[in-house]
């Protein structure tokens, strides 16, 4: 028997009598005068479906278990109790009407499965997915990341946790194709929580909830459940704008929205309230943009100066390679060639040429190693301040101001270094050739 079929059996058996359902099970009392219903319950108790762990059928007056051969007694009431099997990150319900009783559990589960939901009534919030309870495994669902805590902006004096600490279960992610009983029950739960999260203070007055707005002007709005549900779309959009879209500036958005709500004097804020709050927020952003732009200009200037320093250093290193070539190679090599004819020993002449070649290789290698280490350290330093720049500059800005010019300059350096290395290699080969010929031609 599927959960949906069992929910229908419970409904037919109870005949409208009160039902007590929790996340763990269902308990109700009903007569079992109908032979078909009695047999269905007995069969269910004998063959438990995987989503139940126990079914108890006991007479209310005597607590005696119902047996298949017991005679049918008119007017006898039986206590029918069903225990659900536990499932991780799931809330399983037979009836949508149970949602208000288990509302506080929505912050700790990913999927809410309800037996009397139809498949086209499926919907999702930022924290939960509501779907039909079947015998198949639940759908995979990833909740949205945590949102700012509404209790940081709205003070709760009700002692009933009217202001939720997590607004994700009450912000809709995907609307149902058809709004059924489950979605309507969820709306009735979400509307007052959204009102509380968007107000400045919440209190209890005459056994009703009052929402206080600091303004100006100061306002006090009394709870009107019907009006709240009727204006749910506006509340949902406002909650999204303040909390879901405003992860970094939720406090400012909350303040502006509550002020606009107070100014309109509406019992439930509507889309026009949100539009006014958005306009006020845009004005606030523009007012603060002057200082922000000045800070960004100073930052860009610092980045450009750093880039110019690195580029100038790279050019100095490039020029240094040619200087090393002229200073280290030319005089030394010329002297070796000039003195080689004066030396009587061929071995000494060859040794001078080999020594000159070794000195050239050592000079070039040392300079290239020093330059390589400099570029490496500069790259690490840029990586440190680049991570800080990412918070205020875009990747394209950083690439245009810094990365591309430095990369082009380093590429020029590598091309010049390759040419210089080739010249060094030719000189070394000439010196080694001279040494070899001297040793081979001298008797």
Protein backbone atom coordinates (compact mmCIF):
# COMPACT_ATOMS: atom_id res chain seq x y z
CA UNK A 1 0.00 0.00 0.00
CA UNK A 2 1.42 3.37 -1.00
CA UNK A 3 1.49 6.33 1.42
CA UNK A 4 -1.16 8.06 -0.68
CA UNK A 5 -3.45 5.04 -0.56
CA UNK A 6 -2.90 4.78 3.21
CA UNK A 7 -3.77 8.47 3.68
CA UNK A 8 -7.06 7.82 1.88
CA UNK A 9 -7.69 4.78 4.11
CA UNK A 10 -7.05 6.90 7.22
CA UNK A 11 -9.41 9.60 5.97
CA UNK A 12 -12.22 7.14 5.17
CA UNK A 13 -11.78 5.33 8.47
CA UNK A 14 -11.67 8.44 10.66
CA UNK A 15 -14.76 9.86 9.02
CA UNK A 16 -13.80 13.39 9.99
CA UNK A 17 -12.85 12.62 13.58
CA UNK A 18 -9.77 14.44 14.96
CA UNK A 19 -6.39 13.18 13.79
CA UNK A 20 -3.13 13.65 15.66
CA UNK A 21 -0.17 13.45 13.28
CA UNK A 22 3.46 14.19 14.04
CA UNK A 23 6.68 13.51 12.20
CA UNK A 24 6.76 10.13 13.99
CA UNK A 25 3.28 8.80 13.44
CA UNK A 26 -0.53 9.15 13.36
CA UNK A 27 -3.06 8.51 16.12
CA UNK A 28 -6.87 8.63 15.90
CA UNK A 29 -9.99 6.83 17.09
CA UNK A 30 -12.68 5.36 14.88
CA UNK A 31 -15.22 2.53 14.80
CA UNK A 32 -14.38 -0.44 12.61
CA UNK A 33 -17.94 -1.49 11.85
CA UNK A 34 -17.25 -1.71 8.13
CA UNK A 35 -15.93 -5.19 7.32
CA UNK A 36 -13.90 -3.90 4.36
CA UNK A 37 -12.14 -1.23 6.41
CA UNK A 38 -11.50 -3.67 9.25
CA UNK A 39 -9.93 -6.17 6.86
CA UNK A 40 -7.78 -3.49 5.25
CA UNK A 41 -6.36 -2.45 8.62
CA UNK A 42 -5.73 -6.03 9.68
CA UNK A 43 -3.92 -6.72 6.41
CA UNK A 44 -1.83 -3.58 6.87
CA UNK A 45 -0.84 -4.66 10.38
CA UNK A 46 0.17 -8.10 9.14
CA UNK A 47 2.21 -6.81 6.18
CA UNK A 48 3.86 -3.54 7.09
CA UNK A 49 5.04 -1.35 4.21
CA UNK A 50 8.68 -0.18 4.43
CA UNK A 51 7.71 3.33 5.49
CA UNK A 52 5.97 2.07 8.68
CA UNK A 53 7.44 0.31 11.69
CA UNK A 54 4.24 -0.49 13.62
CA UNK A 55 0.44 -0.47 13.36
CA UNK A 56 -1.61 -0.77 16.55
CA UNK A 57 -5.35 -1.60 16.50
CA UNK A 58 -6.73 -1.62 20.04
CA UNK A 59 -10.18 -1.17 21.54
CA UNK A 60 -10.38 2.14 23.37
CA UNK A 61 -12.19 0.83 26.48
CA UNK A 62 -10.17 -2.33 27.07
CA UNK A 63 -6.90 -1.77 25.18
CA UNK A 64 -7.41 -5.25 23.73
CA UNK A 65 -5.82 -5.81 20.36
CA UNK A 66 -8.18 -6.32 17.46
CA UNK A 67 -8.09 -9.88 16.07
CA UNK A 68 -9.37 -11.03 12.75
CA UNK A 69 -11.95 -13.36 14.31
CA UNK A 70 -13.35 -10.76 16.75
CA UNK A 71 -17.05 -10.07 16.15
CA UNK A 72 -18.06 -6.68 14.84
CA UNK A 73 -19.59 -4.65 17.68
CA UNK A 74 -21.67 -1.65 16.75
CA UNK A 75 -20.41 1.57 18.33
CA UNK A 76 -17.10 0.08 19.57
CA UNK A 77 -14.22 2.55 19.16
CA UNK A 78 -10.72 1.50 18.31
CA UNK A 79 -7.47 3.38 18.77
CA UNK A 80 -5.48 3.23 15.55
CA UNK A 81 -1.82 4.17 15.80
CA UNK A 82 0.77 4.17 13.02
CA UNK A 83 4.50 4.64 13.58
CA UNK A 84 6.54 5.97 10.69
CA UNK A 85 10.00 4.78 9.74
CA UNK A 86 12.63 7.47 10.22
CA UNK A 87 14.47 8.88 7.20
CA UNK A 88 17.48 11.21 7.31
CA UNK A 89 16.82 14.82 6.24
CA UNK A 90 13.17 13.98 5.46
CA UNK A 91 9.89 15.02 7.00
CA UNK A 92 7.10 12.56 6.13
CA UNK A 93 3.45 13.51 6.50
CA UNK A 94 0.21 11.89 5.45
CA UNK A 95 -1.77 15.14 5.43
CA UNK A 96 -1.00 18.71 4.37
CA UNK A 97 -3.06 19.97 7.33
CA UNK A 98 -0.29 18.72 9.65
CA UNK A 99 2.22 21.31 8.40
CA UNK A 100 1.44 23.95 11.07
CA UNK A 101 2.15 21.42 13.83
CA UNK A 102 5.61 20.61 12.47
CA UNK A 103 6.57 24.02 11.05
CA UNK A 104 9.59 24.43 13.32
CA UNK A 105 11.13 21.25 11.89
CA UNK A 106 11.44 22.72 8.40
CA UNK A 107 14.78 24.31 9.29
CA UNK A 108 16.37 20.89 9.80
CA UNK A 109 15.11 18.81 6.84
CA UNK A 110 15.78 18.99 3.12
CA UNK A 111 12.70 17.25 1.72
CA UNK A 112 9.10 17.36 2.94
CA UNK A 113 7.07 14.44 1.59
CA UNK A 114 3.28 14.63 1.91
CA UNK A 115 1.05 11.74 0.93
CA UNK A 116 -2.02 13.75 -0.03
CA UNK A 117 -0.05 15.98 -2.43
CA UNK A 118 -0.30 15.50 -6.18
CA UNK A 119 2.84 15.47 -8.31
CA UNK A 120 1.88 18.74 -10.03
CA UNK A 121 1.68 20.43 -6.62
CA UNK A 122 5.43 20.08 -6.01
CA UNK A 123 7.20 23.30 -5.01
CA UNK A 124 10.44 24.33 -3.33
CA UNK A 125 11.72 26.93 -0.88
CA UNK A 126 15.30 28.01 -0.30
CA UNK A 127 15.51 25.34 2.42
CA UNK A 128 13.06 22.55 1.48
CA UNK A 129 11.50 20.68 -1.40
CA UNK A 130 7.82 19.73 -0.97
CA UNK A 131 6.84 16.66 -2.97
CA UNK A 132 4.47 13.69 -3.03
CA UNK A 133 5.32 10.92 -0.58
CA UNK A 134 5.85 7.74 -2.54
CA UNK A 135 7.63 4.47 -1.86
CA UNK A 136 10.52 5.62 -4.09
CA UNK A 137 13.53 7.42 -2.60
CA UNK A 138 13.20 11.15 -2.09
CA UNK A 139 14.56 13.56 -4.70
CA UNK A 140 18.00 15.06 -4.17
CA UNK A 141 17.77 18.64 -2.98
CA UNK A 142 20.49 21.15 -2.09
CA UNK A 143 19.35 24.00 0.18
CA UNK A 144 20.52 27.53 -0.52
CA UNK A 145 23.36 28.99 1.50
CA UNK A 146 22.55 30.56 4.85
CA UNK A 147 20.93 33.99 4.86
CA UNK A 148 21.35 36.84 7.37
CA UNK A 149 19.56 36.18 10.67
CA UNK A 150 16.33 38.23 10.78
CA UNK A 151 16.62 38.47 14.55
CA UNK A 152 19.58 40.83 14.03
CA UNK A 153 17.23 43.42 12.50
CA UNK A 154 13.80 42.66 14.03
CA UNK A 155 13.40 42.51 17.81
CA UNK A 156 11.04 39.82 19.06
CA UNK A 157 9.12 40.53 22.27
CA UNK A 158 6.54 37.79 21.82
CA UNK A 159 8.47 34.96 23.53
CA UNK A 160 7.04 32.75 20.76
CA UNK A 161 9.95 32.94 18.31
CA UNK A 162 7.73 34.88 15.93
CA UNK A 163 10.81 36.24 14.16
CA UNK A 164 12.47 33.15 12.61
CA UNK A 165 16.19 32.67 12.90
CA UNK A 166 16.31 31.13 9.42
CA UNK A 167 14.15 32.62 6.69
CA UNK A 168 15.01 30.06 3.99
CA UNK A 169 11.98 27.77 4.68
CA UNK A 170 9.69 30.75 4.08
CA UNK A 171 11.20 32.12 0.87
CA UNK A 172 9.98 30.40 -2.26
CA UNK A 173 12.44 29.06 -4.81
CA UNK A 174 10.04 27.44 -7.29
CA UNK A 175 6.26 27.85 -7.48
CA UNK A 176 4.02 24.79 -7.99
CA UNK A 177 2.29 24.09 -11.28
CA UNK A 178 -0.91 23.93 -9.27
CA UNK A 179 -1.30 25.39 -5.79
CA UNK A 180 -2.78 22.62 -3.65
CA UNK A 181 -3.53 22.23 0.03
CA UNK A 182 0.12 21.83 0.98
CA UNK A 183 1.18 25.05 -0.74
CA UNK A 184 -1.74 26.96 0.75
CA UNK A 185 -0.87 25.69 4.23
CA UNK A 186 2.74 26.71 3.70
CA UNK A 187 1.70 30.19 2.53
CA UNK A 188 -0.36 30.67 5.70
CA UNK A 189 2.73 29.80 7.74
CA UNK A 190 5.18 31.87 5.68
CA UNK A 191 3.21 35.14 5.52
CA UNK A 192 3.34 36.11 9.24
CA UNK A 193 6.98 35.07 9.48
CA UNK A 194 7.88 37.28 6.53
CA UNK A 195 5.97 40.17 8.11
CA UNK A 196 7.88 39.68 11.35
CA UNK A 197 11.25 39.51 9.57
CA UNK A 198 10.51 42.72 7.64
CA UNK A 199 9.33 44.76 10.65
CA UNK A 200 11.44 46.47 13.31
CA UNK A 201 9.75 44.97 16.38
CA UNK A 202 7.14 42.29 17.08
CA UNK A 203 5.02 42.09 20.22
CA UNK A 204 1.82 40.54 21.57
CA UNK A 205 -1.19 42.82 22.09
CA UNK A 206 -4.62 41.52 23.12
CA UNK A 207 -3.55 37.96 22.28
CA UNK A 208 -2.67 39.10 18.76
CA UNK A 209 0.61 39.92 17.06
CA UNK A 210 1.57 43.55 16.48
CA UNK A 211 4.30 44.64 14.07
CA UNK A 212 6.08 47.88 14.98
CA UNK A 213 7.85 50.12 12.47
CA UNK A 214 10.35 52.72 13.62
CA UNK A 215 9.65 54.96 10.62
CA UNK A 216 9.50 57.88 10.41
CA UNK A 217 6.66 58.01 11.11
CA UNK A 218 6.30 55.31 13.72
CA UNK A 219 3.62 52.75 12.95
CA UNK A 220 1.96 49.80 14.65
CA UNK A 221 0.32 47.18 12.45
CA UNK A 222 -1.95 44.52 13.94
CA UNK A 223 -1.91 40.99 12.63
CA UNK A 224 -4.38 40.25 9.83
CA UNK A 225 -3.81 36.63 8.66
CA UNK A 226 -6.19 36.86 5.71
CA UNK A 227 -4.60 40.07 4.43
CA UNK A 228 -1.11 38.62 4.92
CA UNK A 229 -1.92 35.55 2.84
CA UNK A 230 -3.60 37.70 0.19
CA UNK A 231 -0.46 39.86 -0.04
CA UNK A 232 1.94 36.95 0.03
CA UNK A 233 3.50 37.67 -3.37
CA UNK A 234 4.57 41.13 -2.27
CA UNK A 235 5.92 39.79 1.01
CA UNK A 236 7.83 37.06 -0.81
CA UNK A 237 9.45 39.53 -3.22
CA UNK A 238 10.36 41.82 -0.32
CA UNK A 239 11.90 38.98 1.65
CA UNK A 240 13.95 37.95 -1.38
CA UNK A 241 15.20 41.49 -1.94
CA UNK A 242 16.12 42.16 1.69
CA UNK A 243 17.62 38.79 2.67
CA UNK A 244 18.36 36.62 -0.36
CA UNK A 245 19.67 39.37 -2.65
CA UNK A 246 21.13 41.47 0.15
CA UNK A 247 23.59 39.07 1.72
CA UNK A 248 26.14 41.83 2.35
CA UNK A 249 23.84 44.80 2.97
CA UNK A 250 20.73 43.20 4.46
CA UNK A 251 20.71 45.64 7.36
CA UNK A 252 20.51 48.67 5.05
CA UNK A 253 17.83 47.10 2.89
CA UNK A 254 15.79 46.09 5.93
CA UNK A 255 15.99 49.61 7.34
CA UNK A 256 14.89 51.21 4.06
CA UNK A 257 12.07 48.73 3.47
CA UNK A 258 10.71 49.09 7.03
CA UNK A 259 10.82 52.87 6.65
CA UNK A 260 8.91 52.75 3.37
CA UNK A 261 6.39 50.35 4.93
CA UNK A 262 5.84 52.81 7.77
CA UNK A 263 5.42 55.68 5.31
CA UNK A 264 2.75 53.84 3.28
CA UNK A 265 0.76 52.94 6.43
CA UNK A 266 -0.36 49.65 4.84
CA UNK A 267 -1.26 46.67 7.01
CA UNK A 268 0.65 44.44 4.58
CA UNK A 269 3.38 45.92 2.37
CA UNK A 270 2.79 45.51 -1.36
CA UNK A 271 4.82 45.77 -4.56
CA UNK A 272 4.70 49.59 -4.47
CA UNK A 273 6.35 49.52 -1.03
CA UNK A 274 9.14 47.38 -2.41
CA UNK A 275 9.54 49.67 -5.44
CA UNK A 276 9.91 52.69 -3.14
CA UNK A 277 12.45 50.85 -0.99
CA UNK A 278 14.47 49.94 -4.10
CA UNK A 279 14.47 53.58 -5.21
CA UNK A 280 15.64 54.69 -1.77
CA UNK A 281 18.37 52.05 -1.83
CA UNK A 282 19.59 53.20 -5.25
CA UNK A 283 19.77 56.76 -3.95
CA UNK A 284 21.73 55.53 -0.94
CA UNK A 285 24.18 53.70 -3.18
CA UNK A 286 24.70 56.77 -5.38
CA UNK A 287 25.27 58.98 -2.34
CA UNK A 288 28.02 56.70 -1.13
CA UNK A 289 29.54 56.19 -4.56
CA UNK A 290 31.68 59.38 -4.47
CA UNK A 291 33.91 58.12 -1.67
CA UNK A 292 33.92 54.67 -3.19
CA UNK A 293 35.02 56.00 -6.57
CA UNK A 294 37.78 58.06 -4.94
CA UNK A 295 39.03 55.00 -3.07
CA UNK A 296 38.94 52.95 -6.27
CA UNK A 297 40.84 55.68 -8.12
CA UNK A 298 43.56 55.68 -5.44
CA UNK A 299 43.67 51.91 -5.57
CA UNK A 300 43.97 51.84 -9.35
CA UNK A 301 46.75 54.44 -9.12
CA UNK A 302 48.65 52.25 -6.65
CA UNK A 303 48.23 49.21 -8.88
CA UNK A 304 49.48 51.12 -11.93
CA UNK A 305 52.51 52.44 -10.02
CA UNK A 306 53.32 48.93 -8.85
CA UNK A 307 53.03 47.71 -12.41
CA UNK A 308 55.32 50.45 -13.69
CA UNK A 309 57.92 49.61 -11.07
CA UNK A 310 57.88 45.95 -12.06
CA UNK A 311 58.05 46.85 -15.75
CA UNK A 312 60.95 49.27 -15.19
CA UNK A 313 62.81 46.65 -13.20
CA UNK A 314 62.31 44.14 -15.98
CA UNK A 315 63.71 46.65 -18.49
CA UNK A 316 66.71 47.26 -16.23
CA UNK A 317 67.32 43.54 -16.07
CA UNK A 318 67.14 43.31 -19.84
CA UNK A 319 69.67 46.10 -20.24
CA UNK A 320 71.83 44.45 -17.59
CA UNK A 321 72.16 41.34 -19.72
CA UNK A 322 73.68 43.33 -22.57
CA UNK A 323 75.88 45.18 -20.10
CA UNK A 324 77.14 41.90 -18.66
CA UNK A 325 77.82 40.66 -22.15
CA UNK A 326 79.87 43.74 -23.01
CA UNK A 327 81.68 44.03 -19.69
CA UNK A 328 82.33 40.37 -18.93
CA UNK A 329 82.81 38.91 -22.37
CA UNK A 330 84.49 41.44 -24.65
CA UNK A 331 87.58 42.58 -22.69
CA UNK A 332 88.28 39.14 -21.30
CA UNK A 333 87.95 37.37 -24.62
CA UNK A 334 90.04 39.99 -26.46
CA UNK A 335 92.81 39.66 -23.92
CA UNK A 336 92.81 35.89 -24.19
CA UNK A 337 93.17 36.08 -27.97
CA UNK A 338 95.85 38.77 -27.72
CA UNK A 339 97.93 36.87 -25.18
CA UNK A 340 97.48 33.42 -26.61
CA UNK A 341 100.21 33.99 -29.24
CA UNK A 342 102.70 35.13 -26.60
CA UNK A 343 102.37 32.02 -24.49
CA UNK A 344 104.96 29.35 -25.29
CA UNK A 345 103.04 26.45 -23.81
CA UNK A 346 100.06 25.22 -25.86
CA UNK A 347 98.60 23.74 -22.69
CA UNK A 348 98.59 27.13 -20.95
CA UNK A 349 97.07 28.84 -24.00
CA UNK A 350 94.29 26.26 -24.18
CA UNK A 351 93.68 26.52 -20.44
CA UNK A 352 93.23 30.31 -20.78
CA UNK A 353 90.64 29.82 -23.52
CA UNK A 354 88.77 27.17 -21.51
CA UNK A 355 88.85 29.41 -18.45
CA UNK A 356 87.38 32.26 -20.46
CA UNK A 357 84.60 30.01 -21.73
CA UNK A 358 83.83 28.80 -18.19
CA UNK A 359 83.71 32.40 -16.93
CA UNK A 360 81.23 33.35 -19.65
CA UNK A 361 78.96 30.42 -18.81
CA UNK A 362 79.13 31.22 -15.10
CA UNK A 363 78.41 34.93 -15.66
CA UNK A 364 75.39 34.24 -17.86
CA UNK A 365 74.02 31.52 -15.56
CA UNK A 366 74.34 33.67 -12.44
CA UNK A 367 72.61 36.64 -14.06
CA UNK A 368 69.75 34.51 -15.45
CA UNK A 369 69.26 32.82 -12.05
CA UNK A 370 69.13 36.18 -10.22
CA UNK A 371 66.63 37.56 -12.69
CA UNK A 372 64.49 34.41 -12.50
CA UNK A 373 64.34 34.60 -8.71
CA UNK A 374 63.40 38.29 -8.88
CA UNK A 375 60.48 37.63 -11.22
CA UNK A 376 59.33 34.73 -9.05
CA UNK A 377 59.31 36.80 -5.88
CA UNK A 378 57.51 39.64 -7.64
CA UNK A 379 54.84 37.19 -8.86
CA UNK A 380 54.23 35.95 -5.32
CA UNK A 381 53.98 39.53 -4.03
CA UNK A 382 51.45 40.41 -6.72
CA UNK A 383 49.44 37.31 -5.81
CA UNK A 384 49.05 38.61 -2.26
CA UNK A 385 47.67 42.02 -3.12
CA UNK A 386 45.69 40.62 -6.06
CA UNK A 387 43.52 38.65 -3.60
CA UNK A 388 42.69 41.90 -1.80
CA UNK A 389 42.00 43.73 -5.05
CA UNK A 390 39.45 41.12 -6.08
CA UNK A 391 37.01 42.54 -3.54
CA UNK A 392 36.88 45.95 -5.24
CA UNK A 393 38.29 45.48 -8.75
CA UNK A 394 37.07 43.07 -11.37
CA UNK A 395 39.31 40.41 -12.89
CA UNK A 396 39.25 42.33 -16.18
CA UNK A 397 40.44 45.52 -14.45
CA UNK A 398 43.28 43.71 -12.70
CA UNK A 399 44.26 42.02 -15.95
CA UNK A 400 44.21 45.31 -17.90
CA UNK A 401 46.03 47.41 -15.29
CA UNK A 402 48.58 44.89 -14.10
CA UNK A 403 48.78 41.38 -15.46
CA UNK A 404 48.89 42.11 -19.18
CA UNK A 405 51.58 44.88 -19.09
CA UNK A 406 53.81 42.85 -16.78
CA UNK A 407 53.36 39.70 -18.87
CA UNK A 408 54.26 41.62 -22.06
CA UNK A 409 57.37 43.09 -20.45
CA UNK A 410 58.52 39.72 -19.16
CA UNK A 411 57.97 38.24 -22.60
CA UNK A 412 60.26 40.93 -24.08
CA UNK A 413 62.84 40.10 -21.44
CA UNK A 414 62.73 36.40 -22.31
CA UNK A 415 63.21 37.14 -26.01
CA UNK A 416 66.24 39.36 -25.33
CA UNK A 417 67.62 36.80 -22.86
CA UNK A 418 67.37 34.10 -25.54
CA UNK A 419 69.35 36.23 -28.03
CA UNK A 420 72.00 37.05 -25.43
CA UNK A 421 72.28 33.39 -24.45
CA UNK A 422 72.85 32.47 -28.11
CA UNK A 423 75.66 35.07 -28.36
CA UNK A 424 77.21 33.69 -25.20
CA UNK A 425 76.96 30.18 -26.61
CA UNK A 426 78.74 31.22 -29.83
CA UNK A 427 81.57 32.86 -27.86
CA UNK A 428 81.93 29.78 -25.63
CA UNK A 429 82.06 27.51 -28.67
CA UNK A 430 84.73 29.74 -30.28
CA UNK A 431 86.85 29.64 -27.13
CA UNK A 432 86.51 25.90 -26.78
CA UNK A 433 87.32 25.48 -30.50
CA UNK A 434 90.41 27.63 -30.12
CA UNK A 435 91.54 25.54 -27.15
CA UNK A 436 91.01 22.30 -29.03
CA UNK A 437 92.85 23.50 -32.15
CA UNK A 438 95.73 24.77 -30.05
CA UNK A 439 96.17 21.42 -28.35
CA UNK A 440 95.86 19.49 -31.61
CA UNK A 441 98.18 21.58 -33.83
CA UNK A 442 101.04 22.17 -31.37
CA UNK A 443 103.73 19.39 -31.42
